[in-house]
Amino acid sequence: MGAFVVRQPNGLLCRFSTVVDTVTHYNMTEEDYIEMCAEKAREEARDVINNYLKPFESVKDYFVPTNMTEQKFEEILNEMGSKSKGMKTP
């Protein structure tokens, strides 16, 4: 765990980092804390989009018909605009 959040005696929130062993944010309202978490999520999402996208073919390569039928998977591929039908066979 990298941090924990506590309710301060004044009713506001405080974030304590166990990485740097000190308070990193304090006197936050619940909305402030939620926005801080949302901004971290936005940054992480941008990082994934900018640096870690895989080729679309990976969707077909990694599919295993355990939690979805092959027919449903094909329907979804068609909705996504996939031009090539079928999945790779091992």
PDB file of N, CA and C in Angstrom:
ATOM      1  N   MET A   1       0.847  -1.175   0.000  1.00  0.00           N
ATOM      2  CA  MET A   1       0.000   0.000   0.000  1.00  0.00           C
ATOM      3  C   MET A   1       0.888   1.233   0.000  1.00  0.00           C
ATOM      4  N   GLY A   2       0.662   2.168  -0.908  1.00  0.00           N
ATOM      5  CA  GLY A   2       1.503   3.342  -1.033  1.00  0.00           C
ATOM      6  C   GLY A   2       1.043   4.522  -0.206  1.00  0.00           C
ATOM      7  N   ALA A   3      -0.229   4.483   0.244  1.00  0.00           N
ATOM      8  CA  ALA A   3      -0.746   5.624   0.993  1.00  0.00           C
ATOM      9  C   ALA A   3      -2.034   5.218   1.690  1.00  0.00           C
ATOM     10  N   PHE A   4      -2.429   6.043   2.646  1.00  0.00           N
ATOM     11  CA  PHE A   4      -3.747   5.855   3.250  1.00  0.00           C
ATOM     12  C   PHE A   4      -4.364   7.224   3.486  1.00  0.00           C
ATOM     13  N   VAL A   5      -5.690   7.222   3.599  1.00  0.00           N
ATOM     14  CA  VAL A   5      -6.449   8.458   3.782  1.00  0.00           C
ATOM     15  C   VAL A   5      -7.144   8.379   5.136  1.00  0.00           C
ATOM     16  N   VAL A   6      -7.111   9.489   5.853  1.00  0.00           N
ATOM     17  CA  VAL A   6      -7.778   9.551   7.159  1.00  0.00           C
ATOM     18  C   VAL A   6      -8.657  10.788   7.231  1.00  0.00           C
ATOM     19  N   ARG A   7      -9.632  10.737   8.129  1.00  0.00           N
ATOM     20  CA  ARG A   7     -10.425  11.926   8.398  1.00  0.00           C
ATOM     21  C   ARG A   7      -9.719  12.682   9.518  1.00  0.00           C
ATOM     22  N   GLN A   8      -9.387  13.917   9.265  1.00  0.00           N
ATOM     23  CA  GLN A   8      -8.696  14.769  10.231  1.00  0.00           C
ATOM     24  C   GLN A   8      -9.657  15.155  11.363  1.00  0.00           C
ATOM     25  N   PRO A   9      -9.130  15.592  12.503  1.00  0.00           N
ATOM     26  CA  PRO A   9     -10.000  16.044  13.602  1.00  0.00           C
ATOM     27  C   PRO A   9     -10.963  17.169  13.189  1.00  0.00           C
ATOM     28  N   ASN A  10     -10.583  17.980  12.177  1.00  0.00           N
ATOM     29  CA  ASN A  10     -11.472  19.061  11.732  1.00  0.00           C
ATOM     30  C   ASN A  10     -12.511  18.586  10.723  1.00  0.00           C
ATOM     31  N   GLY A  11     -12.557  17.265  10.448  1.00  0.00           N
ATOM     32  CA  GLY A  11     -13.560  16.688   9.566  1.00  0.00           C
ATOM     33  C   GLY A  11     -13.129  16.572   8.113  1.00  0.00           C
ATOM     34  N   LEU A  12     -12.024  17.207   7.743  1.00  0.00           N
ATOM     35  CA  LEU A  12     -11.538  17.115   6.372  1.00  0.00           C
ATOM     36  C   LEU A  12     -10.643  15.885   6.217  1.00  0.00           C
ATOM     37  N   LEU A  13     -10.151  15.646   5.016  1.00  0.00           N
ATOM     38  CA  LEU A  13      -9.367  14.442   4.742  1.00  0.00           C
ATOM     39  C   LEU A  13      -7.889  14.749   4.564  1.00  0.00           C
ATOM     40  N   CYS A  14      -7.079  13.757   4.915  1.00  0.00           N
ATOM     41  CA  CYS A  14      -5.628  13.848   4.820  1.00  0.00           C
ATOM     42  C   CYS A  14      -5.130  12.568   4.150  1.00  0.00           C
ATOM     43  N   ARG A  15      -4.156  12.710   3.252  1.00  0.00           N
ATOM     44  CA  ARG A  15      -3.520  11.558   2.616  1.00  0.00           C
ATOM     45  C   ARG A  15      -2.090  11.469   3.128  1.00  0.00           C
ATOM     46  N   PHE A  16      -1.742  10.307   3.671  1.00  0.00           N
ATOM     47  CA  PHE A  16      -0.396  10.054   4.185  1.00  0.00           C
ATOM     48  C   PHE A  16       0.274   9.042   3.270  1.00  0.00           C
ATOM     49  N   SER A  17       1.448   9.394   2.737  1.00  0.00           N
ATOM     50  CA  SER A  17       2.192   8.500   1.860  1.00  0.00           C
ATOM     51  C   SER A  17       3.147   7.643   2.683  1.00  0.00           C
ATOM     52  N   THR A  18       3.046   6.335   2.489  1.00  0.00           N
ATOM     53  CA  THR A  18       3.985   5.427   3.146  1.00  0.00           C
ATOM     54  C   THR A  18       5.264   5.283   2.328  1.00  0.00           C
ATOM     55  N   VAL A  19       5.294   5.911   1.154  1.00  0.00           N
ATOM     56  CA  VAL A  19       6.506   5.909   0.335  1.00  0.00           C
ATOM     57  C   VAL A  19       7.466   6.976   0.842  1.00  0.00           C
ATOM     58  N   VAL A  20       6.946   8.183   1.071  1.00  0.00           N
ATOM     59  CA  VAL A  20       7.790   9.276   1.551  1.00  0.00           C
ATOM     60  C   VAL A  20       7.618   9.522   3.051  1.00  0.00           C
ATOM     61  N   ASP A  21       6.753   8.730   3.674  1.00  0.00           N
ATOM     62  CA  ASP A  21       6.535   8.756   5.121  1.00  0.00           C
ATOM     63  C   ASP A  21       6.124  10.125   5.657  1.00  0.00           C
ATOM     64  N   THR A  22       5.210  10.770   4.938  1.00  0.00           N
ATOM     65  CA  THR A  22       4.696  12.052   5.417  1.00  0.00           C
ATOM     66  C   THR A  22       3.361  12.368   4.749  1.00  0.00           C
ATOM     67  N   VAL A  23       2.742  13.434   5.186  1.00  0.00           N
ATOM     68  CA  VAL A  23       1.491  13.915   4.616  1.00  0.00           C
ATOM     69  C   VAL A  23       1.770  14.516   3.243  1.00  0.00           C
ATOM     70  N   THR A  24       0.987  14.105   2.245  1.00  0.00           N
ATOM     71  CA  THR A  24       1.145  14.669   0.903  1.00  0.00           C
ATOM     72  C   THR A  24      -0.022  15.583   0.531  1.00  0.00           C
ATOM     73  N   HIS A  25      -1.176  15.389   1.123  1.00  0.00           N
ATOM     74  CA  HIS A  25      -2.360  16.220   0.878  1.00  0.00           C
ATOM     75  C   HIS A  25      -3.111  16.337   2.207  1.00  0.00           C
ATOM     76  N   TYR A  26      -3.647  17.518   2.474  1.00  0.00           N
ATOM     77  CA  TYR A  26      -4.403  17.681   3.715  1.00  0.00           C
ATOM     78  C   TYR A  26      -5.473  18.750   3.540  1.00  0.00           C
ATOM     79  N   ASN A  27      -6.384  18.783   4.499  1.00  0.00           N
ATOM     80  CA  ASN A  27      -7.521  19.705   4.462  1.00  0.00           C
ATOM     81  C   ASN A  27      -8.335  19.568   3.181  1.00  0.00           C
ATOM     82  N   MET A  28      -8.476  18.325   2.712  1.00  0.00           N
ATOM     83  CA  MET A  28      -9.265  18.067   1.509  1.00  0.00           C
ATOM     84  C   MET A  28     -10.705  17.760   1.880  1.00  0.00           C
ATOM     85  N   THR A  29     -11.616  18.293   1.083  1.00  0.00           N
ATOM     86  CA  THR A  29     -13.001  17.866   1.212  1.00  0.00           C
ATOM     87  C   THR A  29     -13.113  16.499   0.540  1.00  0.00           C
ATOM     88  N   GLU A  30     -14.227  15.834   0.708  1.00  0.00           N
ATOM     89  CA  GLU A  30     -14.425  14.561   0.020  1.00  0.00           C
ATOM     90  C   GLU A  30     -14.361  14.787  -1.494  1.00  0.00           C
ATOM     91  N   GLU A  31     -14.944  15.886  -1.958  1.00  0.00           N
ATOM     92  CA  GLU A  31     -14.914  16.199  -3.390  1.00  0.00           C
ATOM     93  C   GLU A  31     -13.482  16.461  -3.869  1.00  0.00           C
ATOM     94  N   ASP A  32     -12.660  17.127  -3.051  1.00  0.00           N
ATOM     95  CA  ASP A  32     -11.245  17.339  -3.402  1.00  0.00           C
ATOM     96  C   ASP A  32     -10.536  16.000  -3.580  1.00  0.00           C
ATOM     97  N   TYR A  33     -10.782  15.072  -2.660  1.00  0.00           N
ATOM     98  CA  TYR A  33     -10.124  13.769  -2.736  1.00  0.00           C
ATOM     99  C   TYR A  33     -10.584  13.003  -3.977  1.00  0.00           C
ATOM    100  N   ILE A  34     -11.882  13.038  -4.230  1.00  0.00           N
ATOM    101  CA  ILE A  34     -12.413  12.352  -5.414  1.00  0.00           C
ATOM    102  C   ILE A  34     -11.800  12.940  -6.674  1.00  0.00           C
ATOM    103  N   GLU A  35     -11.703  14.254  -6.754  1.00  0.00           N
ATOM    104  CA  GLU A  35     -11.114  14.900  -7.933  1.00  0.00           C
ATOM    105  C   GLU A  35      -9.631  14.544  -8.071  1.00  0.00           C
ATOM    106  N   MET A  36      -8.908  14.461  -6.951  1.00  0.00           N
ATOM    107  CA  MET A  36      -7.503  14.068  -6.993  1.00  0.00           C
ATOM    108  C   MET A  36      -7.380  12.653  -7.578  1.00  0.00           C
ATOM    109  N   CYS A  37      -8.230  11.748  -7.133  1.00  0.00           N
ATOM    110  CA  CYS A  37      -8.214  10.377  -7.650  1.00  0.00           C
ATOM    111  C   CYS A  37      -8.610  10.342  -9.118  1.00  0.00           C
ATOM    112  N   ALA A  38      -9.599  11.146  -9.500  1.00  0.00           N
ATOM    113  CA  ALA A  38     -10.033  11.187 -10.895  1.00  0.00           C
ATOM    114  C   ALA A  38      -8.912  11.713 -11.789  1.00  0.00           C
ATOM    115  N   GLU A  39      -8.196  12.720 -11.327  1.00  0.00           N
ATOM    116  CA  GLU A  39      -7.095  13.266 -12.125  1.00  0.00           C
ATOM    117  C   GLU A  39      -5.987  12.231 -12.293  1.00  0.00           C
ATOM    118  N   LYS A  40      -5.686  11.472 -11.235  1.00  0.00           N
ATOM    119  CA  LYS A  40      -4.679  10.408 -11.361  1.00  0.00           C
ATOM    120  C   LYS A  40      -5.124   9.373 -12.389  1.00  0.00           C
ATOM    121  N   ALA A  41      -6.419   9.040 -12.363  1.00  0.00           N
ATOM    122  CA  ALA A  41      -6.953   8.070 -13.325  1.00  0.00           C
ATOM    123  C   ALA A  41      -6.871   8.621 -14.744  1.00  0.00           C
ATOM    124  N   ARG A  42      -7.175   9.918 -14.929  1.00  0.00           N
ATOM    125  CA  ARG A  42      -7.061  10.534 -16.253  1.00  0.00           C
ATOM    126  C   ARG A  42      -5.618  10.489 -16.754  1.00  0.00           C
ATOM    127  N   GLU A  43      -4.674  10.799 -15.874  1.00  0.00           N
ATOM    128  CA  GLU A  43      -3.257  10.763 -16.259  1.00  0.00           C
ATOM    129  C   GLU A  43      -2.828   9.355 -16.654  1.00  0.00           C
ATOM    130  N   GLU A  44      -3.258   8.365 -15.881  1.00  0.00           N
ATOM    131  CA  GLU A  44      -2.914   6.982 -16.195  1.00  0.00           C
ATOM    132  C   GLU A  44      -3.535   6.564 -17.527  1.00  0.00           C
ATOM    133  N   ALA A  45      -4.780   6.956 -17.748  1.00  0.00           N
ATOM    134  CA  ALA A  45      -5.444   6.617 -19.004  1.00  0.00           C
ATOM    135  C   ALA A  45      -4.733   7.257 -20.185  1.00  0.00           C
ATOM    136  N   ARG A  46      -4.336   8.525 -20.051  1.00  0.00           N
ATOM    137  CA  ARG A  46      -3.595   9.197 -21.129  1.00  0.00           C
ATOM    138  C   ARG A  46      -2.272   8.482 -21.408  1.00  0.00           C
ATOM    139  N   ASP A  47      -1.595   8.059 -20.343  1.00  0.00           N
ATOM    140  CA  ASP A  47      -0.325   7.354 -20.496  1.00  0.00           C
ATOM    141  C   ASP A  47      -0.516   6.055 -21.268  1.00  0.00           C
ATOM    142  N   VAL A  48      -1.565   5.307 -20.933  1.00  0.00           N
ATOM    143  CA  VAL A  48      -1.838   4.054 -21.643  1.00  0.00           C
ATOM    144  C   VAL A  48      -2.113   4.339 -23.119  1.00  0.00           C
ATOM    145  N   ILE A  49      -2.967   5.340 -23.389  1.00  0.00           N
ATOM    146  CA  ILE A  49      -3.302   5.664 -24.781  1.00  0.00           C
ATOM    147  C   ILE A  49      -2.078   6.124 -25.551  1.00  0.00           C
ATOM    148  N   ASN A  50      -1.245   6.926 -24.928  1.00  0.00           N
ATOM    149  CA  ASN A  50      -0.085   7.487 -25.620  1.00  0.00           C
ATOM    150  C   ASN A  50       1.092   6.528 -25.748  1.00  0.00           C
ATOM    151  N   ASN A  51       1.196   5.551 -24.851  1.00  0.00           N
ATOM    152  CA  ASN A  51       2.418   4.740 -24.817  1.00  0.00           C
ATOM    153  C   ASN A  51       2.238   3.226 -24.858  1.00  0.00           C
ATOM    154  N   TYR A  52       1.032   2.720 -24.641  1.00  0.00           N
ATOM    155  CA  TYR A  52       0.911   1.274 -24.471  1.00  0.00           C
ATOM    156  C   TYR A  52      -0.179   0.619 -25.309  1.00  0.00           C
ATOM    157  N   LEU A  53      -0.700   1.294 -26.345  1.00  0.00           N
ATOM    158  CA  LEU A  53      -1.709   0.652 -27.181  1.00  0.00           C
ATOM    159  C   LEU A  53      -1.089  -0.508 -27.944  1.00  0.00           C
ATOM    160  N   LYS A  54      -1.861  -1.577 -28.083  1.00  0.00           N
ATOM    161  CA  LYS A  54      -1.431  -2.739 -28.861  1.00  0.00           C
ATOM    162  C   LYS A  54      -2.155  -2.709 -30.206  1.00  0.00           C
ATOM    163  N   PRO A  55      -1.673  -3.441 -31.181  1.00  0.00           N
ATOM    164  CA  PRO A  55      -2.368  -3.525 -32.464  1.00  0.00           C
ATOM    165  C   PRO A  55      -3.726  -4.213 -32.286  1.00  0.00           C
ATOM    166  N   PHE A  56      -4.698  -3.839 -33.118  1.00  0.00           N
ATOM    167  CA  PHE A  56      -6.040  -4.419 -33.017  1.00  0.00           C
ATOM    168  C   PHE A  56      -6.014  -5.943 -33.151  1.00  0.00           C
ATOM    169  N   GLU A  57      -5.118  -6.462 -33.962  1.00  0.00           N
ATOM    170  CA  GLU A  57      -5.046  -7.912 -34.148  1.00  0.00           C
ATOM    171  C   GLU A  57      -4.821  -8.653 -32.826  1.00  0.00           C
ATOM    172  N   SER A  58      -4.270  -7.974 -31.822  1.00  0.00           N
ATOM    173  CA  SER A  58      -4.054  -8.607 -30.518  1.00  0.00           C
ATOM    174  C   SER A  58      -5.364  -9.073 -29.899  1.00  0.00           C
ATOM    175  N   VAL A  59      -6.452  -8.351 -30.190  1.00  0.00           N
ATOM    176  CA  VAL A  59      -7.762  -8.746 -29.666  1.00  0.00           C
ATOM    177  C   VAL A  59      -8.099 -10.154 -30.147  1.00  0.00           C
ATOM    178  N   LYS A  60      -7.864 -10.398 -31.425  1.00  0.00           N
ATOM    179  CA  LYS A  60      -8.144 -11.729 -31.972  1.00  0.00           C
ATOM    180  C   LYS A  60      -7.137 -12.756 -31.472  1.00  0.00           C
ATOM    181  N   ASP A  61      -5.883 -12.349 -31.389  1.00  0.00           N
ATOM    182  CA  ASP A  61      -4.837 -13.274 -30.967  1.00  0.00           C
ATOM    183  C   ASP A  61      -5.033 -13.773 -29.541  1.00  0.00           C
ATOM    184  N   TYR A  62      -5.519 -12.906 -28.665  1.00  0.00           N
ATOM    185  CA  TYR A  62      -5.626 -13.261 -27.254  1.00  0.00           C
ATOM    186  C   TYR A  62      -6.989 -13.822 -26.852  1.00  0.00           C
ATOM    187  N   PHE A  63      -7.976 -13.737 -27.729  1.00  0.00           N
ATOM    188  CA  PHE A  63      -9.319 -14.206 -27.374  1.00  0.00           C
ATOM    189  C   PHE A  63      -9.339 -15.695 -27.077  1.00  0.00           C
ATOM    190  N   VAL A  64     -10.011 -16.047 -25.979  1.00  0.00           N
ATOM    191  CA  VAL A  64     -10.254 -17.438 -25.609  1.00  0.00           C
ATOM    192  C   VAL A  64     -11.748 -17.547 -25.323  1.00  0.00           C
ATOM    193  N   PRO A  65     -12.448 -18.467 -25.959  1.00  0.00           N
ATOM    194  CA  PRO A  65     -13.902 -18.550 -25.804  1.00  0.00           C
ATOM    195  C   PRO A  65     -14.344 -19.188 -24.484  1.00  0.00           C
ATOM    196  N   THR A  66     -13.858 -18.645 -23.385  1.00  0.00           N
ATOM    197  CA  THR A  66     -14.235 -19.153 -22.072  1.00  0.00           C
ATOM    198  C   THR A  66     -15.433 -18.390 -21.507  1.00  0.00           C
ATOM    199  N   ASN A  67     -15.386 -17.065 -21.598  1.00  0.00           N
ATOM    200  CA  ASN A  67     -16.434 -16.232 -21.015  1.00  0.00           C
ATOM    201  C   ASN A  67     -17.320 -15.577 -22.062  1.00  0.00           C
ATOM    202  N   MET A  68     -17.098 -15.899 -23.315  1.00  0.00           N
ATOM    203  CA  MET A  68     -17.899 -15.376 -24.414  1.00  0.00           C
ATOM    204  C   MET A  68     -17.838 -16.390 -25.544  1.00  0.00           C
ATOM    205  N   THR A  69     -18.968 -16.584 -26.201  1.00  0.00           N
ATOM    206  CA  THR A  69     -18.962 -17.524 -27.326  1.00  0.00           C
ATOM    207  C   THR A  69     -18.222 -16.912 -28.507  1.00  0.00           C
ATOM    208  N   GLU A  70     -17.757 -17.780 -29.400  1.00  0.00           N
ATOM    209  CA  GLU A  70     -17.086 -17.305 -30.600  1.00  0.00           C
ATOM    210  C   GLU A  70     -18.051 -16.486 -31.453  1.00  0.00           C
ATOM    211  N   GLN A  71     -19.327 -16.894 -31.478  1.00  0.00           N
ATOM    212  CA  GLN A  71     -20.326 -16.166 -32.258  1.00  0.00           C
ATOM    213  C   GLN A  71     -20.486 -14.739 -31.728  1.00  0.00           C
ATOM    214  N   LYS A  72     -20.610 -14.585 -30.408  1.00  0.00           N
ATOM    215  CA  LYS A  72     -20.748 -13.250 -29.814  1.00  0.00           C
ATOM    216  C   LYS A  72     -19.489 -12.427 -30.087  1.00  0.00           C
ATOM    217  N   PHE A  73     -18.331 -13.048 -29.985  1.00  0.00           N
ATOM    218  CA  PHE A  73     -17.075 -12.359 -30.248  1.00  0.00           C
ATOM    219  C   PHE A  73     -17.044 -11.843 -31.690  1.00  0.00           C
ATOM    220  N   GLU A  74     -17.469 -12.676 -32.640  1.00  0.00           N
ATOM    221  CA  GLU A  74     -17.526 -12.267 -34.046  1.00  0.00           C
ATOM    222  C   GLU A  74     -18.476 -11.083 -34.221  1.00  0.00           C
ATOM    223  N   GLU A  75     -19.626 -11.103 -33.530  1.00  0.00           N
ATOM    224  CA  GLU A  75     -20.575  -9.996 -33.611  1.00  0.00           C
ATOM    225  C   GLU A  75     -19.924  -8.698 -33.132  1.00  0.00           C
ATOM    226  N   ILE A  76     -19.194  -8.777 -32.026  1.00  0.00           N
ATOM    227  CA  ILE A  76     -18.531  -7.598 -31.473  1.00  0.00           C
ATOM    228  C   ILE A  76     -17.450  -7.095 -32.425  1.00  0.00           C
ATOM    229  N   LEU A  77     -16.693  -8.028 -33.003  1.00  0.00           N
ATOM    230  CA  LEU A  77     -15.670  -7.626 -33.972  1.00  0.00           C
ATOM    231  C   LEU A  77     -16.308  -6.879 -35.144  1.00  0.00           C
ATOM    232  N   ASN A  78     -17.446  -7.376 -35.616  1.00  0.00           N
ATOM    233  CA  ASN A  78     -18.138  -6.717 -36.719  1.00  0.00           C
ATOM    234  C   ASN A  78     -18.603  -5.319 -36.313  1.00  0.00           C
ATOM    235  N   GLU A  79     -19.114  -5.164 -35.093  1.00  0.00           N
ATOM    236  CA  GLU A  79     -19.537  -3.851 -34.604  1.00  0.00           C
ATOM    237  C   GLU A  79     -18.367  -2.885 -34.527  1.00  0.00           C
ATOM    238  N   MET A  80     -17.182  -3.410 -34.256  1.00  0.00           N
ATOM    239  CA  MET A  80     -15.992  -2.572 -34.155  1.00  0.00           C
ATOM    240  C   MET A  80     -15.413  -2.252 -35.529  1.00  0.00           C
ATOM    241  N   GLY A  81     -15.993  -2.828 -36.571  1.00  0.00           N
ATOM    242  CA  GLY A  81     -15.526  -2.527 -37.911  1.00  0.00           C
ATOM    243  C   GLY A  81     -14.406  -3.421 -38.392  1.00  0.00           C
ATOM    244  N   SER A  82     -14.228  -4.548 -37.758  1.00  0.00           N
ATOM    245  CA  SER A  82     -13.182  -5.473 -38.188  1.00  0.00           C
ATOM    246  C   SER A  82     -13.526  -6.020 -39.560  1.00  0.00           C
ATOM    247  N   LYS A  83     -12.598  -5.891 -40.490  1.00  0.00           N
ATOM    248  CA  LYS A  83     -12.834  -6.330 -41.859  1.00  0.00           C
ATOM    249  C   LYS A  83     -12.540  -7.818 -42.036  1.00  0.00           C
ATOM    250  N   SER A  84     -11.600  -8.332 -41.256  1.00  0.00           N
ATOM    251  CA  SER A  84     -11.243  -9.739 -41.403  1.00  0.00           C
ATOM    252  C   SER A  84     -12.098 -10.589 -40.488  1.00  0.00           C
ATOM    253  N   LYS A  85     -12.717 -11.582 -41.070  1.00  0.00           N
ATOM    254  CA  LYS A  85     -13.573 -12.483 -40.307  1.00  0.00           C
ATOM    255  C   LYS A  85     -12.722 -13.601 -39.714  1.00  0.00           C
ATOM    256  N   GLY A  86     -13.244 -14.163 -38.647  1.00  0.00           N
ATOM    257  CA  GLY A  86     -12.603 -15.321 -38.055  1.00  0.00           C
ATOM    258  C   GLY A  86     -11.441 -14.993 -37.165  1.00  0.00           C
ATOM    259  N   MET A  87     -11.087 -15.987 -36.388  1.00  0.00           N
ATOM    260  CA  MET A  87      -9.980 -15.832 -35.455  1.00  0.00           C
ATOM    261  C   MET A  87      -8.844 -16.708 -35.910  1.00  0.00           C
ATOM    262  N   LYS A  88      -7.664 -16.376 -35.445  1.00  0.00           N
ATOM    263  CA  LYS A  88      -6.506 -17.217 -35.759  1.00  0.00           C
ATOM    264  C   LYS A  88      -6.690 -18.566 -35.092  1.00  0.00           C
ATOM    265  N   THR A  89      -6.291 -19.588 -35.775  1.00  0.00           N
ATOM    266  CA  THR A  89      -6.319 -20.900 -35.170  1.00  0.00           C
ATOM    267  C   THR A  89      -4.894 -21.292 -34.815  1.00  0.00           C
ATOM    268  N   PRO A  90      -4.719 -21.862 -33.651  1.00  0.00           N
ATOM    269  CA  PRO A  90      -3.348 -22.198 -33.225  1.00  0.00           C
ATOM    270  C   PRO A  90      -2.707 -23.259 -34.073  1.00  0.00           C
TER     271      PRO A  90
END
